[in-house]
């Protein structure tokens, strides 16, 4: 694809879906393994969550990402998200 071409709506929708599903998966992993991970593992997972959340925002899926975050709250996460927004 040339740099001046815009991606199709279908491609944009697929990209948004990819990032939202990734965010959901990371949230499930954090919830399911919170007791099994050491602090470094949790930090790594939280950084992956943050990066994926930012990807959702960058690709126009902020509303959906916020809905995912609201369904699966992470202690302290809501404060971090508000500061960065």
C-alpha atoms as a PDB file:
ATOM      1  CA  UNK A   1       0.000   0.000   0.000  1.00  0.00           C
ATOM      2  CA  UNK A   2       1.322   3.432  -0.866  1.00  0.00           C
ATOM      3  CA  UNK A   3       1.750   5.931   1.956  1.00  0.00           C
ATOM      4  CA  UNK A   4      -0.933   8.301   0.627  1.00  0.00           C
ATOM      5  CA  UNK A   5      -3.599   5.582   0.411  1.00  0.00           C
ATOM      6  CA  UNK A   6      -6.113   5.300   3.229  1.00  0.00           C
ATOM      7  CA  UNK A   7      -6.970   1.873   4.600  1.00  0.00           C
ATOM      8  CA  UNK A   8     -10.466   0.638   3.848  1.00  0.00           C
ATOM      9  CA  UNK A   9     -13.204   0.815   6.457  1.00  0.00           C
ATOM     10  CA  UNK A  10     -13.125  -2.957   6.724  1.00  0.00           C
ATOM     11  CA  UNK A  11      -9.401  -2.892   7.477  1.00  0.00           C
ATOM     12  CA  UNK A  12      -9.892  -0.145  10.063  1.00  0.00           C
ATOM     13  CA  UNK A  13     -12.678  -2.139  11.709  1.00  0.00           C
ATOM     14  CA  UNK A  14     -10.544  -5.281  11.744  1.00  0.00           C
ATOM     15  CA  UNK A  15      -7.675  -3.379  13.352  1.00  0.00           C
ATOM     16  CA  UNK A  16      -9.933  -1.938  16.050  1.00  0.00           C
ATOM     17  CA  UNK A  17     -11.333  -5.403  16.746  1.00  0.00           C
ATOM     18  CA  UNK A  18      -7.825  -6.844  16.985  1.00  0.00           C
ATOM     19  CA  UNK A  19      -6.778  -4.300  19.628  1.00  0.00           C
ATOM     20  CA  UNK A  20     -10.014  -4.611  21.621  1.00  0.00           C
ATOM     21  CA  UNK A  21      -9.717  -8.410  21.684  1.00  0.00           C
ATOM     22  CA  UNK A  22      -6.083  -8.118  22.741  1.00  0.00           C
ATOM     23  CA  UNK A  23      -7.098  -5.766  25.548  1.00  0.00           C
ATOM     24  CA  UNK A  24      -9.812  -8.181  26.689  1.00  0.00           C
ATOM     25  CA  UNK A  25      -7.355 -11.084  26.659  1.00  0.00           C
ATOM     26  CA  UNK A  26      -4.751  -9.175  28.678  1.00  0.00           C
ATOM     27  CA  UNK A  27      -7.408  -8.164  31.202  1.00  0.00           C
ATOM     28  CA  UNK A  28      -8.459 -11.814  31.574  1.00  0.00           C
ATOM     29  CA  UNK A  29      -4.835 -12.883  32.022  1.00  0.00           C
ATOM     30  CA  UNK A  30      -4.305 -10.270  34.705  1.00  0.00           C
ATOM     31  CA  UNK A  31      -7.463 -11.280  36.539  1.00  0.00           C
ATOM     32  CA  UNK A  32      -6.780 -15.021  36.280  1.00  0.00           C
ATOM     33  CA  UNK A  33      -3.082 -14.928  37.200  1.00  0.00           C
ATOM     34  CA  UNK A  34      -2.879 -12.050  39.682  1.00  0.00           C
ATOM     35  CA  UNK A  35      -2.093 -14.481  42.518  1.00  0.00           C
ATOM     36  CA  UNK A  36       0.449 -16.473  40.498  1.00  0.00           C
ATOM     37  CA  UNK A  37       2.591 -13.626  39.149  1.00  0.00           C
ATOM     38  CA  UNK A  38       5.384 -11.940  41.032  1.00  0.00           C
ATOM     39  CA  UNK A  39       5.534  -8.114  41.075  1.00  0.00           C
ATOM     40  CA  UNK A  40       7.711  -8.008  37.975  1.00  0.00           C
ATOM     41  CA  UNK A  41       5.284 -10.231  36.072  1.00  0.00           C
ATOM     42  CA  UNK A  42       2.368  -8.007  37.071  1.00  0.00           C
ATOM     43  CA  UNK A  43       4.287  -4.920  36.025  1.00  0.00           C
ATOM     44  CA  UNK A  44       5.054  -6.456  32.633  1.00  0.00           C
ATOM     45  CA  UNK A  45       1.413  -7.398  32.140  1.00  0.00           C
ATOM     46  CA  UNK A  46       0.276  -3.923  33.223  1.00  0.00           C
ATOM     47  CA  UNK A  47       2.642  -2.339  30.702  1.00  0.00           C
ATOM     48  CA  UNK A  48       1.227  -4.565  27.967  1.00  0.00           C
ATOM     49  CA  UNK A  49      -2.266  -3.530  29.047  1.00  0.00           C
ATOM     50  CA  UNK A  50      -1.330   0.134  28.959  1.00  0.00           C
ATOM     51  CA  UNK A  51       0.274  -0.124  25.522  1.00  0.00           C
ATOM     52  CA  UNK A  52      -2.724  -1.984  24.128  1.00  0.00           C
ATOM     53  CA  UNK A  53      -5.107   0.536  25.681  1.00  0.00           C
ATOM     54  CA  UNK A  54      -3.151   3.326  23.976  1.00  0.00           C
ATOM     55  CA  UNK A  55      -3.305   1.414  20.679  1.00  0.00           C
ATOM     56  CA  UNK A  56      -7.091   1.241  21.028  1.00  0.00           C
ATOM     57  CA  UNK A  57      -7.234   5.008  21.533  1.00  0.00           C
ATOM     58  CA  UNK A  58      -4.868   5.657  18.615  1.00  0.00           C
ATOM     59  CA  UNK A  59      -6.985   3.546  16.270  1.00  0.00           C
ATOM     60  CA  UNK A  60     -10.284   5.158  17.253  1.00  0.00           C
ATOM     61  CA  UNK A  61     -11.614   2.552  19.669  1.00  0.00           C
ATOM     62  CA  UNK A  62     -11.430   4.612  22.870  1.00  0.00           C
ATOM     63  CA  UNK A  63     -15.102   4.083  23.727  1.00  0.00           C
ATOM     64  CA  UNK A  64     -14.830   0.321  23.387  1.00  0.00           C
ATOM     65  CA  UNK A  65     -11.551   0.240  25.313  1.00  0.00           C
ATOM     66  CA  UNK A  66     -13.081   2.211  28.173  1.00  0.00           C
ATOM     67  CA  UNK A  67     -16.010  -0.227  28.252  1.00  0.00           C
ATOM     68  CA  UNK A  68     -13.583  -3.167  28.530  1.00  0.00           C
ATOM     69  CA  UNK A  69     -11.684  -1.386  31.303  1.00  0.00           C
ATOM     70  CA  UNK A  70     -14.926  -0.656  33.176  1.00  0.00           C
ATOM     71  CA  UNK A  71     -15.968  -4.340  33.038  1.00  0.00           C
ATOM     72  CA  UNK A  72     -12.642  -5.568  34.427  1.00  0.00           C
ATOM     73  CA  UNK A  73     -11.298  -2.979  36.863  1.00  0.00           C
ATOM     74  CA  UNK A  74      -7.663  -3.163  37.925  1.00  0.00           C
ATOM     75  CA  UNK A  75      -6.768  -1.508  41.244  1.00  0.00           C
ATOM     76  CA  UNK A  76      -5.191   1.869  40.561  1.00  0.00           C
ATOM     77  CA  UNK A  77      -5.700   1.585  36.816  1.00  0.00           C
ATOM     78  CA  UNK A  78      -8.574   4.106  36.634  1.00  0.00           C
ATOM     79  CA  UNK A  79      -6.407   6.799  38.198  1.00  0.00           C
ATOM     80  CA  UNK A  80      -3.580   6.116  35.734  1.00  0.00           C
ATOM     81  CA  UNK A  81      -5.946   6.218  32.775  1.00  0.00           C
ATOM     82  CA  UNK A  82      -7.481   9.521  33.844  1.00  0.00           C
ATOM     83  CA  UNK A  83      -4.045  11.110  34.297  1.00  0.00           C
ATOM     84  CA  UNK A  84      -2.881  10.015  30.853  1.00  0.00           C
ATOM     85  CA  UNK A  85      -6.049  10.990  28.974  1.00  0.00           C
END
